[in-house]
Structures are given as C-alpha cells and as structure tokens.
C-alpha cells in the first residue's frame, strides 16, 4: 500500500499539480505526505516546496511541486 500511495503522489506531481498535506488527505486519503515526498527526493526527483499561510486561520502549511518532468513509475 505504501508504494501505491507514493505512486499516487508522484503521478499528481507529474500532472503538473502542486500538493499540500490537506489535499493529500482529502483527495487521496494519504496522511503522511512529507514521508512520501522525502522518499521521492531520495530517489532523485527534484521536488521543491514553500511555506504558505491560511489567512483565515493563521495555520502554516507546505506546498510541494515537481521541478522537472519525469516518466511515471
């Protein structure tokens, strides 16, 4: 199941989409986004991120995106 979740995140990024922890939870049921992002970086994927802030709540969150296109796993 872990590999499937990793592939799901990778495919989302490959489609040109940025992703946040909340998106991973609500769209895919994935609760450990940072872990999968870290694994993908270790495998050589060039993933960048930035901190964002929800203006309504003040909560900070990270947004991740793929810097260069790759072939899906």
N, C-alpha and C. Protein backbone atom coordinates (compact mmCIF):
# COMPACT_ATOMS: atom_id res chain seq x y z
N UNK A 1 0.83 -1.20 0.00
CA UNK A 1 0.00 0.00 0.00
C UNK A 1 0.87 1.26 0.00
N UNK A 2 1.99 1.22 0.69
CA UNK A 2 2.85 2.39 0.76
C UNK A 2 3.37 2.77 -0.62
N UNK A 3 3.76 1.75 -1.43
CA UNK A 3 4.23 2.04 -2.78
C UNK A 3 3.12 2.67 -3.61
N UNK A 4 1.90 2.19 -3.45
CA UNK A 4 0.78 2.74 -4.20
C UNK A 4 0.56 4.21 -3.84
N UNK A 5 0.67 4.55 -2.57
CA UNK A 5 0.50 5.93 -2.14
C UNK A 5 1.62 6.81 -2.69
N UNK A 6 2.83 6.28 -2.70
CA UNK A 6 3.96 7.02 -3.25
C UNK A 6 3.73 7.30 -4.74
N UNK A 7 3.27 6.30 -5.48
CA UNK A 7 2.99 6.45 -6.91
C UNK A 7 1.84 7.45 -7.12
N UNK A 8 0.85 7.42 -6.26
CA UNK A 8 -0.27 8.36 -6.36
C UNK A 8 0.24 9.79 -6.23
N UNK A 9 1.08 10.05 -5.25
CA UNK A 9 1.65 11.39 -5.05
C UNK A 9 2.50 11.77 -6.25
N UNK A 10 3.35 10.87 -6.70
CA UNK A 10 4.21 11.15 -7.85
C UNK A 10 3.38 11.47 -9.08
N UNK A 11 2.35 10.69 -9.35
CA UNK A 11 1.52 10.95 -10.53
C UNK A 11 0.81 12.30 -10.44
N UNK A 12 0.39 12.68 -9.23
CA UNK A 12 -0.21 14.00 -9.05
C UNK A 12 0.80 15.09 -9.42
N UNK A 13 2.02 14.95 -8.94
CA UNK A 13 3.07 15.93 -9.24
C UNK A 13 3.42 15.93 -10.72
N UNK A 14 3.46 14.76 -11.33
CA UNK A 14 3.80 14.65 -12.75
C UNK A 14 2.76 15.32 -13.65
N UNK A 15 1.54 15.39 -13.19
CA UNK A 15 0.49 16.05 -13.96
C UNK A 15 0.59 17.57 -13.84
N UNK A 16 1.64 18.03 -13.17
CA UNK A 16 1.86 19.47 -13.04
C UNK A 16 1.20 20.08 -11.83
N UNK A 17 0.69 19.24 -10.95
CA UNK A 17 -0.02 19.75 -9.80
C UNK A 17 0.88 19.90 -8.58
N UNK A 18 0.70 21.00 -7.89
CA UNK A 18 1.30 21.15 -6.57
C UNK A 18 0.39 20.41 -5.60
N UNK A 19 0.93 20.06 -4.44
CA UNK A 19 0.11 19.34 -3.46
C UNK A 19 0.44 19.79 -2.04
N UNK A 20 -0.57 19.85 -1.22
CA UNK A 20 -0.42 20.16 0.20
C UNK A 20 -0.84 18.93 1.01
N UNK A 21 -0.53 18.96 2.28
CA UNK A 21 -0.92 17.86 3.16
C UNK A 21 -2.44 17.70 3.17
N UNK A 22 -3.16 18.82 3.22
CA UNK A 22 -4.62 18.75 3.25
C UNK A 22 -5.17 18.14 1.96
N UNK A 23 -4.58 18.50 0.81
CA UNK A 23 -5.01 17.90 -0.46
C UNK A 23 -4.75 16.39 -0.45
N UNK A 24 -3.59 15.99 0.03
CA UNK A 24 -3.26 14.57 0.06
C UNK A 24 -4.28 13.80 0.90
N UNK A 25 -4.69 14.38 2.01
CA UNK A 25 -5.66 13.73 2.88
C UNK A 25 -7.04 13.68 2.23
N UNK A 26 -7.51 14.82 1.74
CA UNK A 26 -8.87 14.89 1.23
C UNK A 26 -9.05 14.22 -0.13
N UNK A 27 -8.05 14.32 -1.01
CA UNK A 27 -8.20 13.76 -2.35
C UNK A 27 -7.80 12.29 -2.43
N UNK A 28 -6.81 11.89 -1.62
CA UNK A 28 -6.25 10.54 -1.76
C UNK A 28 -6.27 9.71 -0.47
N UNK A 29 -6.64 10.31 0.65
CA UNK A 29 -6.63 9.58 1.92
C UNK A 29 -5.22 9.30 2.42
N UNK A 30 -4.25 10.10 1.98
CA UNK A 30 -2.84 9.91 2.36
C UNK A 30 -2.50 10.89 3.47
N UNK A 31 -2.07 10.36 4.61
CA UNK A 31 -1.83 11.21 5.78
C UNK A 31 -0.35 11.49 6.04
N UNK A 32 0.56 10.86 5.30
CA UNK A 32 1.99 11.04 5.56
C UNK A 32 2.69 11.60 4.33
N UNK A 33 2.20 12.72 3.83
CA UNK A 33 2.73 13.31 2.60
C UNK A 33 4.22 13.59 2.69
N UNK A 34 4.68 14.20 3.77
CA UNK A 34 6.10 14.55 3.90
C UNK A 34 6.99 13.32 3.77
N UNK A 35 6.54 12.20 4.28
CA UNK A 35 7.32 10.95 4.19
C UNK A 35 7.49 10.53 2.73
N UNK A 36 6.40 10.59 1.97
CA UNK A 36 6.46 10.18 0.56
C UNK A 36 7.25 11.18 -0.27
N UNK A 37 7.13 12.45 0.05
CA UNK A 37 7.93 13.46 -0.65
C UNK A 37 9.41 13.21 -0.39
N UNK A 38 9.76 12.93 0.86
CA UNK A 38 11.15 12.65 1.22
C UNK A 38 11.68 11.43 0.47
N UNK A 39 10.88 10.38 0.38
CA UNK A 39 11.28 9.17 -0.35
C UNK A 39 11.49 9.48 -1.83
N UNK A 40 10.60 10.27 -2.43
CA UNK A 40 10.75 10.63 -3.84
C UNK A 40 12.01 11.47 -4.07
N UNK A 41 12.32 12.36 -3.16
CA UNK A 41 13.55 13.16 -3.26
C UNK A 41 14.76 12.25 -3.19
N UNK A 42 14.75 11.28 -2.27
CA UNK A 42 15.86 10.33 -2.16
C UNK A 42 16.03 9.50 -3.42
N UNK A 43 14.94 9.29 -4.16
CA UNK A 43 15.00 8.53 -5.42
C UNK A 43 15.45 9.40 -6.59
N UNK A 44 15.67 10.68 -6.34
CA UNK A 44 16.21 11.56 -7.37
C UNK A 44 15.23 12.53 -8.00
N UNK A 45 14.00 12.56 -7.54
CA UNK A 45 13.03 13.51 -8.08
C UNK A 45 13.32 14.90 -7.51
N UNK A 46 13.28 15.90 -8.36
CA UNK A 46 13.58 17.27 -7.97
C UNK A 46 12.28 17.96 -7.53
N UNK A 47 12.01 17.87 -6.24
CA UNK A 47 10.78 18.41 -5.68
C UNK A 47 11.12 19.62 -4.82
N UNK A 48 10.41 20.71 -5.06
CA UNK A 48 10.62 21.93 -4.29
C UNK A 48 9.39 22.17 -3.42
N UNK A 49 9.52 23.08 -2.47
CA UNK A 49 8.41 23.37 -1.58
C UNK A 49 8.50 24.80 -1.07
N UNK A 50 7.40 25.27 -0.55
CA UNK A 50 7.38 26.57 0.11
C UNK A 50 6.35 26.54 1.22
N UNK A 51 6.56 27.39 2.21
CA UNK A 51 5.59 27.53 3.28
C UNK A 51 4.54 28.53 2.86
N UNK A 52 3.28 28.20 3.09
CA UNK A 52 2.15 29.09 2.84
C UNK A 52 1.40 29.28 4.15
N UNK A 53 0.47 30.23 4.14
CA UNK A 53 -0.30 30.50 5.36
C UNK A 53 -1.77 30.67 5.00
N UNK A 54 -2.62 30.01 5.76
CA UNK A 54 -4.06 30.19 5.62
C UNK A 54 -4.40 31.51 6.31
N UNK A 55 -4.81 32.49 5.54
CA UNK A 55 -5.08 33.82 6.10
C UNK A 55 -6.23 33.81 7.10
N UNK A 56 -7.20 32.93 6.90
CA UNK A 56 -8.36 32.88 7.79
C UNK A 56 -8.01 32.32 9.17
N UNK A 57 -7.15 31.28 9.20
CA UNK A 57 -6.85 30.62 10.47
C UNK A 57 -5.45 30.91 10.99
N UNK A 58 -4.57 31.37 10.12
CA UNK A 58 -3.19 31.60 10.51
C UNK A 58 -2.34 30.34 10.47
N UNK A 59 -2.95 29.22 10.10
CA UNK A 59 -2.22 27.95 10.05
C UNK A 59 -1.22 27.97 8.89
N UNK A 60 -0.01 27.46 9.15
CA UNK A 60 1.01 27.35 8.13
C UNK A 60 1.01 25.94 7.55
N UNK A 61 1.29 25.85 6.27
CA UNK A 61 1.35 24.55 5.61
C UNK A 61 2.34 24.62 4.46
N UNK A 62 2.83 23.46 4.05
CA UNK A 62 3.79 23.38 2.96
C UNK A 62 3.11 22.95 1.68
N UNK A 63 3.55 23.55 0.59
CA UNK A 63 3.10 23.17 -0.75
C UNK A 63 4.31 22.59 -1.47
N UNK A 64 4.12 21.44 -2.10
CA UNK A 64 5.19 20.74 -2.82
C UNK A 64 4.87 20.68 -4.31
N UNK A 65 5.91 20.74 -5.16
CA UNK A 65 5.73 20.57 -6.60
C UNK A 65 7.01 19.99 -7.20
N UNK A 66 6.85 19.38 -8.37
CA UNK A 66 7.95 18.76 -9.10
C UNK A 66 8.59 19.82 -10.00
N UNK A 67 9.91 19.94 -9.92
CA UNK A 67 10.62 20.97 -10.69
C UNK A 67 10.82 20.57 -12.15
N UNK A 68 11.05 19.29 -12.44
CA UNK A 68 11.32 18.83 -13.79
C UNK A 68 10.46 17.62 -14.09
N UNK A 69 10.03 17.47 -15.35
CA UNK A 69 9.21 16.30 -15.68
C UNK A 69 9.99 14.99 -15.67
N UNK A 70 9.35 13.93 -15.26
CA UNK A 70 9.92 12.59 -15.23
C UNK A 70 8.89 11.61 -15.77
N UNK A 71 9.32 10.42 -16.09
CA UNK A 71 8.43 9.36 -16.51
C UNK A 71 7.80 8.74 -15.27
N UNK A 72 6.47 8.52 -15.24
CA UNK A 72 5.83 7.91 -14.07
C UNK A 72 6.41 6.52 -13.75
N UNK A 73 6.37 6.16 -12.46
CA UNK A 73 6.84 4.84 -12.03
C UNK A 73 5.96 3.76 -12.59
